[in-house]
Amino acid sequence: MNMIQEKFASLFSNYEVTTQARPDGGILLTLRNSDGKLFKRTISYAQLHAGDQLSWAISAIRRDLAEQASELPPVAMLQSQHRFALPTYHSA
């Protein structure tokens, strides 16, 4: 387990990395950023032991972290635009 945690710690060096063993042979990966925000992801035994699945899981985690960092505005803020009727045209 230590080797797995060290691998994820080197991949996500900007985060505090902890791993916990799961009964199915997988792990619970927890990443904590400098602000204290947590990001948790389970990684199955199959993902840990198949190179292509592990690289896919790492890519998915990186994508999710990038999405979380952008902190998109809430939908309500996007919907607060003024709405008015579209112009109508009449033939002469």
PDB file of N, CA and C in Angstrom:
ATOM      1  N   MET A   1       0.833  -1.205   0.000  1.00  0.00           N
ATOM      2  CA  MET A   1       0.000   0.000   0.000  1.00  0.00           C
ATOM      3  C   MET A   1       0.868   1.254   0.000  1.00  0.00           C
ATOM      4  N   ASN A   2       1.989   1.220   0.666  1.00  0.00           N
ATOM      5  CA  ASN A   2       2.869   2.383   0.705  1.00  0.00           C
ATOM      6  C   ASN A   2       3.346   2.774  -0.683  1.00  0.00           C
ATOM      7  N   MET A   3       3.641   1.772  -1.510  1.00  0.00           N
ATOM      8  CA  MET A   3       4.101   2.046  -2.860  1.00  0.00           C
ATOM      9  C   MET A   3       3.024   2.738  -3.684  1.00  0.00           C
ATOM     10  N   ILE A   4       1.787   2.313  -3.505  1.00  0.00           N
ATOM     11  CA  ILE A   4       0.671   2.927  -4.226  1.00  0.00           C
ATOM     12  C   ILE A   4       0.503   4.381  -3.804  1.00  0.00           C
ATOM     13  N   GLN A   5       0.575   4.631  -2.503  1.00  0.00           N
ATOM     14  CA  GLN A   5       0.429   6.001  -2.010  1.00  0.00           C
ATOM     15  C   GLN A   5       1.570   6.870  -2.524  1.00  0.00           C
ATOM     16  N   GLU A   6       2.779   6.350  -2.543  1.00  0.00           N
ATOM     17  CA  GLU A   6       3.918   7.116  -3.049  1.00  0.00           C
ATOM     18  C   GLU A   6       3.748   7.446  -4.537  1.00  0.00           C
ATOM     19  N   LYS A   7       3.202   6.487  -5.293  1.00  0.00           N
ATOM     20  CA  LYS A   7       2.980   6.724  -6.726  1.00  0.00           C
ATOM     21  C   LYS A   7       1.983   7.865  -6.929  1.00  0.00           C
ATOM     22  N   PHE A   8       0.859   7.819  -6.198  1.00  0.00           N
ATOM     23  CA  PHE A   8      -0.139   8.886  -6.339  1.00  0.00           C
ATOM     24  C   PHE A   8       0.381  10.210  -5.793  1.00  0.00           C
ATOM     25  N   ALA A   9       1.203  10.165  -4.750  1.00  0.00           N
ATOM     26  CA  ALA A   9       1.782  11.399  -4.203  1.00  0.00           C
ATOM     27  C   ALA A   9       2.707  12.055  -5.227  1.00  0.00           C
ATOM     28  N   SER A  10       3.426  11.249  -6.003  1.00  0.00           N
ATOM     29  CA  SER A  10       4.298  11.828  -7.030  1.00  0.00           C
ATOM     30  C   SER A  10       3.491  12.359  -8.215  1.00  0.00           C
ATOM     31  N   LEU A  11       2.348  11.719  -8.516  1.00  0.00           N
ATOM     32  CA  LEU A  11       1.504  12.179  -9.617  1.00  0.00           C
ATOM     33  C   LEU A  11       0.756  13.462  -9.280  1.00  0.00           C
ATOM     34  N   PHE A  12       0.348  13.585  -8.013  1.00  0.00           N
ATOM     35  CA  PHE A  12      -0.438  14.745  -7.571  1.00  0.00           C
ATOM     36  C   PHE A  12       0.341  15.474  -6.480  1.00  0.00           C
ATOM     37  N   SER A  13       1.482  16.020  -6.863  1.00  0.00           N
ATOM     38  CA  SER A  13       2.393  16.623  -5.884  1.00  0.00           C
ATOM     39  C   SER A  13       1.842  17.904  -5.255  1.00  0.00           C
ATOM     40  N   ASN A  14       0.847  18.531  -5.860  1.00  0.00           N
ATOM     41  CA  ASN A  14       0.264  19.752  -5.289  1.00  0.00           C
ATOM     42  C   ASN A  14      -0.763  19.447  -4.211  1.00  0.00           C
ATOM     43  N   TYR A  15      -1.006  18.179  -3.941  1.00  0.00           N
ATOM     44  CA  TYR A  15      -2.030  17.763  -2.986  1.00  0.00           C
ATOM     45  C   TYR A  15      -1.421  16.879  -1.901  1.00  0.00           C
ATOM     46  N   GLU A  16      -2.072  16.889  -0.752  1.00  0.00           N
ATOM     47  CA  GLU A  16      -1.743  15.934   0.302  1.00  0.00           C
ATOM     48  C   GLU A  16      -2.516  14.658  -0.032  1.00  0.00           C
ATOM     49  N   VAL A  17      -1.808  13.571  -0.222  1.00  0.00           N
ATOM     50  CA  VAL A  17      -2.399  12.323  -0.703  1.00  0.00           C
ATOM     51  C   VAL A  17      -2.482  11.298   0.419  1.00  0.00           C
ATOM     52  N   THR A  18      -3.667  10.706   0.596  1.00  0.00           N
ATOM     53  CA  THR A  18      -3.824   9.566   1.496  1.00  0.00           C
ATOM     54  C   THR A  18      -4.594   8.473   0.759  1.00  0.00           C
ATOM     55  N   THR A  19      -4.272   7.238   1.090  1.00  0.00           N
ATOM     56  CA  THR A  19      -4.974   6.102   0.506  1.00  0.00           C
ATOM     57  C   THR A  19      -5.428   5.178   1.625  1.00  0.00           C
ATOM     58  N   GLN A  20      -6.584   4.576   1.418  1.00  0.00           N
ATOM     59  CA  GLN A  20      -7.114   3.602   2.365  1.00  0.00           C
ATOM     60  C   GLN A  20      -7.483   2.355   1.588  1.00  0.00           C
ATOM     61  N   ALA A  21      -7.141   1.205   2.144  1.00  0.00           N
ATOM     62  CA  ALA A  21      -7.477  -0.059   1.500  1.00  0.00           C
ATOM     63  C   ALA A  21      -8.982  -0.298   1.583  1.00  0.00           C
ATOM     64  N   ARG A  22      -9.527  -0.881   0.520  1.00  0.00           N
ATOM     65  CA  ARG A  22     -10.938  -1.246   0.479  1.00  0.00           C
ATOM     66  C   ARG A  22     -11.037  -2.768   0.523  1.00  0.00           C
ATOM     67  N   PRO A  23     -12.147  -3.298   1.026  1.00  0.00           N
ATOM     68  CA  PRO A  23     -12.298  -4.756   1.137  1.00  0.00           C
ATOM     69  C   PRO A  23     -12.208  -5.500  -0.202  1.00  0.00           C
ATOM     70  N   ASP A  24     -12.546  -4.811  -1.314  1.00  0.00           N
ATOM     71  CA  ASP A  24     -12.515  -5.472  -2.618  1.00  0.00           C
ATOM     72  C   ASP A  24     -11.126  -5.458  -3.259  1.00  0.00           C
ATOM     73  N   GLY A  25     -10.116  -4.953  -2.555  1.00  0.00           N
ATOM     74  CA  GLY A  25      -8.757  -4.909  -3.076  1.00  0.00           C
ATOM     75  C   GLY A  25      -8.402  -3.579  -3.704  1.00  0.00           C
ATOM     76  N   GLY A  26      -9.372  -2.692  -3.845  1.00  0.00           N
ATOM     77  CA  GLY A  26      -9.120  -1.363  -4.387  1.00  0.00           C
ATOM     78  C   GLY A  26      -8.683  -0.410  -3.290  1.00  0.00           C
ATOM     79  N   ILE A  27      -8.673   0.868  -3.615  1.00  0.00           N
ATOM     80  CA  ILE A  27      -8.298   1.891  -2.634  1.00  0.00           C
ATOM     81  C   ILE A  27      -9.279   3.055  -2.691  1.00  0.00           C
ATOM     82  N   LEU A  28      -9.312   3.800  -1.610  1.00  0.00           N
ATOM     83  CA  LEU A  28      -9.988   5.091  -1.570  1.00  0.00           C
ATOM     84  C   LEU A  28      -8.882   6.129  -1.573  1.00  0.00           C
ATOM     85  N   LEU A  29      -8.818   6.907  -2.638  1.00  0.00           N
ATOM     86  CA  LEU A  29      -7.804   7.942  -2.795  1.00  0.00           C
ATOM     87  C   LEU A  29      -8.394   9.267  -2.334  1.00  0.00           C
ATOM     88  N   THR A  30      -7.703   9.951  -1.432  1.00  0.00           N
ATOM     89  CA  THR A  30      -8.147  11.251  -0.945  1.00  0.00           C
ATOM     90  C   THR A  30      -7.057  12.269  -1.225  1.00  0.00           C
ATOM     91  N   LEU A  31      -7.449  13.344  -1.894  1.00  0.00           N
ATOM     92  CA  LEU A  31      -6.535  14.447  -2.185  1.00  0.00           C
ATOM     93  C   LEU A  31      -7.034  15.685  -1.459  1.00  0.00           C
ATOM     94  N   ARG A  32      -6.130  16.377  -0.771  1.00  0.00           N
ATOM     95  CA  ARG A  32      -6.476  17.613  -0.058  1.00  0.00           C
ATOM     96  C   ARG A  32      -5.598  18.727  -0.596  1.00  0.00           C
ATOM     97  N   ASN A  33      -6.241  19.812  -1.052  1.00  0.00           N
ATOM     98  CA  ASN A  33      -5.457  20.931  -1.577  1.00  0.00           C
ATOM     99  C   ASN A  33      -5.047  21.867  -0.444  1.00  0.00           C
ATOM    100  N   SER A  34      -4.349  22.933  -0.773  1.00  0.00           N
ATOM    101  CA  SER A  34      -3.842  23.852   0.252  1.00  0.00           C
ATOM    102  C   SER A  34      -4.957  24.595   0.977  1.00  0.00           C
ATOM    103  N   ASP A  35      -6.144  24.711   0.348  1.00  0.00           N
ATOM    104  CA  ASP A  35      -7.288  25.361   0.985  1.00  0.00           C
ATOM    105  C   ASP A  35      -8.056  24.410   1.898  1.00  0.00           C
ATOM    106  N   GLY A  36      -7.678  23.147   1.915  1.00  0.00           N
ATOM    107  CA  GLY A  36      -8.358  22.170   2.750  1.00  0.00           C
ATOM    108  C   GLY A  36      -9.501  21.449   2.059  1.00  0.00           C
ATOM    109  N   LYS A  37      -9.743  21.739   0.780  1.00  0.00           N
ATOM    110  CA  LYS A  37     -10.815  21.058   0.055  1.00  0.00           C
ATOM    111  C   LYS A  37     -10.404  19.630  -0.249  1.00  0.00           C
ATOM    112  N   LEU A  38     -11.365  18.708  -0.048  1.00  0.00           N
ATOM    113  CA  LEU A  38     -11.105  17.291  -0.272  1.00  0.00           C
ATOM    114  C   LEU A  38     -11.652  16.839  -1.611  1.00  0.00           C
ATOM    115  N   PHE A  39     -10.954  15.909  -2.222  1.00  0.00           N
ATOM    116  CA  PHE A  39     -11.399  15.239  -3.439  1.00  0.00           C
ATOM    117  C   PHE A  39     -11.178  13.753  -3.201  1.00  0.00           C
ATOM    118  N   LYS A  40     -12.239  12.972  -3.298  1.00  0.00           N
ATOM    119  CA  LYS A  40     -12.132  11.533  -3.042  1.00  0.00           C
ATOM    120  C   LYS A  40     -12.535  10.762  -4.282  1.00  0.00           C
ATOM    121  N   ARG A  41     -11.833   9.673  -4.519  1.00  0.00           N
ATOM    122  CA  ARG A  41     -12.140   8.808  -5.653  1.00  0.00           C
ATOM    123  C   ARG A  41     -11.774   7.375  -5.270  1.00  0.00           C
ATOM    124  N   THR A  42     -12.663   6.447  -5.593  1.00  0.00           N
ATOM    125  CA  THR A  42     -12.342   5.036  -5.394  1.00  0.00           C
ATOM    126  C   THR A  42     -11.708   4.496  -6.664  1.00  0.00           C
ATOM    127  N   ILE A  43     -10.711   3.669  -6.482  1.00  0.00           N
ATOM    128  CA  ILE A  43     -10.030   3.022  -7.600  1.00  0.00           C
ATOM    129  C   ILE A  43     -10.085   1.524  -7.336  1.00  0.00           C
ATOM    130  N   SER A  44     -10.663   0.807  -8.267  1.00  0.00           N
ATOM    131  CA  SER A  44     -10.881  -0.628  -8.080  1.00  0.00           C
ATOM    132  C   SER A  44      -9.579  -1.414  -8.204  1.00  0.00           C
ATOM    133  N   TYR A  45      -9.633  -2.646  -7.774  1.00  0.00           N
ATOM    134  CA  TYR A  45      -8.487  -3.558  -7.885  1.00  0.00           C
ATOM    135  C   TYR A  45      -8.082  -3.707  -9.355  1.00  0.00           C
ATOM    136  N   ALA A  46      -9.075  -3.862 -10.231  1.00  0.00           N
ATOM    137  CA  ALA A  46      -8.799  -4.027 -11.658  1.00  0.00           C
ATOM    138  C   ALA A  46      -8.102  -2.794 -12.232  1.00  0.00           C
ATOM    139  N   GLN A  47      -8.526  -1.614 -11.821  1.00  0.00           N
ATOM    140  CA  GLN A  47      -7.894  -0.389 -12.308  1.00  0.00           C
ATOM    141  C   GLN A  47      -6.458  -0.274 -11.812  1.00  0.00           C
ATOM    142  N   LEU A  48      -6.207  -0.696 -10.584  1.00  0.00           N
ATOM    143  CA  LEU A  48      -4.862  -0.611 -10.025  1.00  0.00           C
ATOM    144  C   LEU A  48      -3.891  -1.552 -10.716  1.00  0.00           C
ATOM    145  N   HIS A  49      -4.383  -2.681 -11.209  1.00  0.00           N
ATOM    146  CA  HIS A  49      -3.503  -3.717 -11.732  1.00  0.00           C
ATOM    147  C   HIS A  49      -3.531  -3.864 -13.246  1.00  0.00           C
ATOM    148  N   ALA A  50      -4.164  -2.956 -13.941  1.00  0.00           N
ATOM    149  CA  ALA A  50      -4.134  -2.935 -15.403  1.00  0.00           C
ATOM    150  C   ALA A  50      -3.653  -1.554 -15.835  1.00  0.00           C
ATOM    151  N   GLY A  51      -2.533  -1.523 -16.532  1.00  0.00           N
ATOM    152  CA  GLY A  51      -1.895  -0.254 -16.886  1.00  0.00           C
ATOM    153  C   GLY A  51      -2.781   0.724 -17.624  1.00  0.00           C
ATOM    154  N   ASP A  52      -3.530   0.226 -18.616  1.00  0.00           N
ATOM    155  CA  ASP A  52      -4.370   1.139 -19.385  1.00  0.00           C
ATOM    156  C   ASP A  52      -5.530   1.670 -18.554  1.00  0.00           C
ATOM    157  N   GLN A  53      -6.094   0.826 -17.678  1.00  0.00           N
ATOM    158  CA  GLN A  53      -7.189   1.283 -16.815  1.00  0.00           C
ATOM    159  C   GLN A  53      -6.691   2.269 -15.771  1.00  0.00           C
ATOM    160  N   LEU A  54      -5.487   2.045 -15.251  1.00  0.00           N
ATOM    161  CA  LEU A  54      -4.926   2.967 -14.264  1.00  0.00           C
ATOM    162  C   LEU A  54      -4.635   4.323 -14.910  1.00  0.00           C
ATOM    163  N   SER A  55      -4.093   4.320 -16.115  1.00  0.00           N
ATOM    164  CA  SER A  55      -3.825   5.605 -16.775  1.00  0.00           C
ATOM    165  C   SER A  55      -5.128   6.332 -17.095  1.00  0.00           C
ATOM    166  N   TRP A  56      -6.186   5.585 -17.452  1.00  0.00           N
ATOM    167  CA  TRP A  56      -7.493   6.204 -17.691  1.00  0.00           C
ATOM    168  C   TRP A  56      -8.020   6.832 -16.397  1.00  0.00           C
ATOM    169  N   ALA A  57      -7.895   6.109 -15.258  1.00  0.00           N
ATOM    170  CA  ALA A  57      -8.372   6.623 -13.967  1.00  0.00           C
ATOM    171  C   ALA A  57      -7.608   7.885 -13.575  1.00  0.00           C
ATOM    172  N   ILE A  58      -6.306   7.896 -13.803  1.00  0.00           N
ATOM    173  CA  ILE A  58      -5.489   9.070 -13.471  1.00  0.00           C
ATOM    174  C   ILE A  58      -5.902  10.256 -14.345  1.00  0.00           C
ATOM    175  N   SER A  59      -6.142  10.010 -15.631  1.00  0.00           N
ATOM    176  CA  SER A  59      -6.595  11.077 -16.527  1.00  0.00           C
ATOM    177  C   SER A  59      -7.945  11.626 -16.091  1.00  0.00           C
ATOM    178  N   ALA A  60      -8.847  10.738 -15.672  1.00  0.00           N
ATOM    179  CA  ALA A  60     -10.174  11.169 -15.212  1.00  0.00           C
ATOM    180  C   ALA A  60     -10.059  12.010 -13.943  1.00  0.00           C
ATOM    181  N   ILE A  61      -9.170  11.628 -13.038  1.00  0.00           N
ATOM    182  CA  ILE A  61      -8.971  12.398 -11.804  1.00  0.00           C
ATOM    183  C   ILE A  61      -8.425  13.778 -12.138  1.00  0.00           C
ATOM    184  N   ARG A  62      -7.439  13.836 -13.031  1.00  0.00           N
ATOM    185  CA  ARG A  62      -6.872  15.138 -13.426  1.00  0.00           C
ATOM    186  C   ARG A  62      -7.938  16.027 -14.065  1.00  0.00           C
ATOM    187  N   ARG A  63      -8.789  15.438 -14.912  1.00  0.00           N
ATOM    188  CA  ARG A  63      -9.863  16.199 -15.551  1.00  0.00           C
ATOM    189  C   ARG A  63     -10.830  16.742 -14.499  1.00  0.00           C
ATOM    190  N   ASP A  64     -11.216  15.889 -13.545  1.00  0.00           N
ATOM    191  CA  ASP A  64     -12.142  16.313 -12.499  1.00  0.00           C
ATOM    192  C   ASP A  64     -11.541  17.396 -11.619  1.00  0.00           C
ATOM    193  N   LEU A  65     -10.253  17.298 -11.329  1.00  0.00           N
ATOM    194  CA  LEU A  65      -9.588  18.330 -10.530  1.00  0.00           C
ATOM    195  C   LEU A  65      -9.537  19.656 -11.280  1.00  0.00           C
ATOM    196  N   ALA A  66      -9.275  19.597 -12.575  1.00  0.00           N
ATOM    197  CA  ALA A  66      -9.239  20.826 -13.379  1.00  0.00           C
ATOM    198  C   ALA A  66     -10.616  21.465 -13.447  1.00  0.00           C
ATOM    199  N   GLU A  67     -11.638  20.639 -13.581  1.00  0.00           N
ATOM    200  CA  GLU A  67     -13.010  21.163 -13.617  1.00  0.00           C
ATOM    201  C   GLU A  67     -13.374  21.793 -12.282  1.00  0.00           C
ATOM    202  N   GLN A  68     -12.977  21.140 -11.190  1.00  0.00           N
ATOM    203  CA  GLN A  68     -13.283  21.654  -9.856  1.00  0.00           C
ATOM    204  C   GLN A  68     -12.550  22.970  -9.603  1.00  0.00           C
ATOM    205  N   ALA A  69     -11.348  23.110 -10.116  1.00  0.00           N
ATOM    206  CA  ALA A  69     -10.559  24.323  -9.887  1.00  0.00           C
ATOM    207  C   ALA A  69     -11.138  25.530 -10.612  1.00  0.00           C
ATOM    208  N   SER A  70     -11.831  25.305 -11.725  1.00  0.00           N
ATOM    209  CA  SER A  70     -12.364  26.436 -12.475  1.00  0.00           C
ATOM    210  C   SER A  70     -13.537  27.090 -11.762  1.00  0.00           C
ATOM    211  N   GLU A  71     -14.218  26.358 -10.918  1.00  0.00           N
ATOM    212  CA  GLU A  71     -15.339  26.871 -10.141  1.00  0.00           C
ATOM    213  C   GLU A  71     -16.287  27.694 -11.009  1.00  0.00           C
ATOM    214  N   LEU A  72     -16.995  27.004 -11.872  1.00  0.00           N
ATOM    215  CA  LEU A  72     -17.949  27.644 -12.765  1.00  0.00           C
ATOM    216  C   LEU A  72     -19.033  28.357 -11.966  1.00  0.00           C
ATOM    217  N   PRO A  73     -19.595  29.442 -12.493  1.00  0.00           N
ATOM    218  CA  PRO A  73     -20.654  30.143 -11.767  1.00  0.00           C
ATOM    219  C   PRO A  73     -21.902  29.275 -11.671  1.00  0.00           C
ATOM    220  N   PRO A  74     -22.696  29.464 -10.631  1.00  0.00           N
ATOM    221  CA  PRO A  74     -23.927  28.691 -10.502  1.00  0.00           C
ATOM    222  C   PRO A  74     -24.867  28.961 -11.669  1.00  0.00           C
ATOM    223  N   VAL A  75     -25.692  27.981 -11.987  1.00  0.00           N
ATOM    224  CA  VAL A  75     -26.629  28.101 -13.105  1.00  0.00           C
ATOM    225  C   VAL A  75     -27.553  29.294 -12.900  1.00  0.00           C
ATOM    226  N   ALA A  76     -27.960  29.565 -11.668  1.00  0.00           N
ATOM    227  CA  ALA A  76     -28.858  30.688 -11.392  1.00  0.00           C
ATOM    228  C   ALA A  76     -28.234  32.007 -11.854  1.00  0.00           C
ATOM    229  N   MET A  77     -26.920  32.135 -11.718  1.00  0.00           N
ATOM    230  CA  MET A  77     -26.249  33.364 -12.162  1.00  0.00           C
ATOM    231  C   MET A  77     -26.307  33.484 -13.687  1.00  0.00           C
ATOM    232  N   LEU A  78     -26.234  32.371 -14.379  1.00  0.00           N
ATOM    233  CA  LEU A  78     -26.288  32.406 -15.833  1.00  0.00           C
ATOM    234  C   LEU A  78     -27.699  32.689 -16.330  1.00  0.00           C
ATOM    235  N   GLN A  79     -28.701  32.312 -15.555  1.00  0.00           N
ATOM    236  CA  GLN A  79     -30.084  32.493 -15.966  1.00  0.00           C
ATOM    237  C   GLN A  79     -30.634  33.868 -15.613  1.00  0.00           C
ATOM    238  N   SER A  80     -29.861  34.710 -14.981  1.00  0.00           N
ATOM    239  CA  SER A  80     -30.371  35.996 -14.531  1.00  0.00           C
ATOM    240  C   SER A  80     -30.306  37.079 -15.614  1.00  0.00           C
ATOM    241  N   GLN A  81     -30.045  36.696 -16.831  1.00  0.00           N
ATOM    242  CA  GLN A  81     -30.001  37.672 -17.911  1.00  0.00           C
ATOM    243  C   GLN A  81     -31.412  38.169 -18.202  1.00  0.00           C
ATOM    244  N   HIS A  82     -31.507  39.418 -18.626  1.00  0.00           N
ATOM    245  CA  HIS A  82     -32.817  39.986 -18.964  1.00  0.00           C
ATOM    246  C   HIS A  82     -33.329  39.333 -20.231  1.00  0.00           C
ATOM    247  N   ARG A  83     -34.594  39.013 -20.217  1.00  0.00           N
ATOM    248  CA  ARG A  83     -35.200  38.382 -21.390  1.00  0.00           C
ATOM    249  C   ARG A  83     -36.244  39.324 -21.960  1.00  0.00           C
ATOM    250  N   PHE A  84     -36.270  39.437 -23.242  1.00  0.00           N
ATOM    251  CA  PHE A  84     -37.277  40.259 -23.897  1.00  0.00           C
ATOM    252  C   PHE A  84     -37.645  39.593 -25.214  1.00  0.00           C
ATOM    253  N   ALA A  85     -38.752  40.016 -25.756  1.00  0.00           N
ATOM    254  CA  ALA A  85     -39.293  39.400 -26.966  1.00  0.00           C
ATOM    255  C   ALA A  85     -38.380  39.649 -28.158  1.00  0.00           C
ATOM    256  N   LEU A  86     -38.334  38.664 -29.023  1.00  0.00           N
ATOM    257  CA  LEU A  86     -37.563  38.805 -30.251  1.00  0.00           C
ATOM    258  C   LEU A  86     -38.341  39.699 -31.228  1.00  0.00           C
ATOM    259  N   PRO A  87     -37.648  40.389 -32.113  1.00  0.00           N
ATOM    260  CA  PRO A  87     -38.361  41.236 -33.080  1.00  0.00           C
ATOM    261  C   PRO A  87     -39.157  40.384 -34.067  1.00  0.00           C
ATOM    262  N   THR A  88     -40.260  40.909 -34.510  1.00  0.00           N
ATOM    263  CA  THR A  88     -41.080  40.220 -35.518  1.00  0.00           C
ATOM    264  C   THR A  88     -41.049  41.008 -36.810  1.00  0.00           C
ATOM    265  N   TYR A  89     -41.093  40.318 -37.888  1.00  0.00           N
ATOM    266  CA  TYR A  89     -41.028  40.947 -39.197  1.00  0.00           C
ATOM    267  C   TYR A  89     -42.314  40.630 -39.963  1.00  0.00           C
ATOM    268  N   HIS A  90     -42.824  41.627 -40.688  1.00  0.00           N
ATOM    269  CA  HIS A  90     -44.048  41.461 -41.480  1.00  0.00           C
ATOM    270  C   HIS A  90     -43.707  41.721 -42.941  1.00  0.00           C
ATOM    271  N   SER A  91     -44.274  40.939 -43.806  1.00  0.00           N
ATOM    272  CA  SER A  91     -44.026  41.151 -45.240  1.00  0.00           C
ATOM    273  C   SER A  91     -44.900  42.292 -45.764  1.00  0.00           C
ATOM    274  N   ALA A  92     -44.441  43.073 -46.695  1.00  0.00           N
ATOM    275  CA  ALA A  92     -45.171  44.226 -47.194  1.00  0.00           C
ATOM    276  C   ALA A  92     -46.072  43.899 -48.350  1.00  0.00           C
TER     277      ALA A  92
END
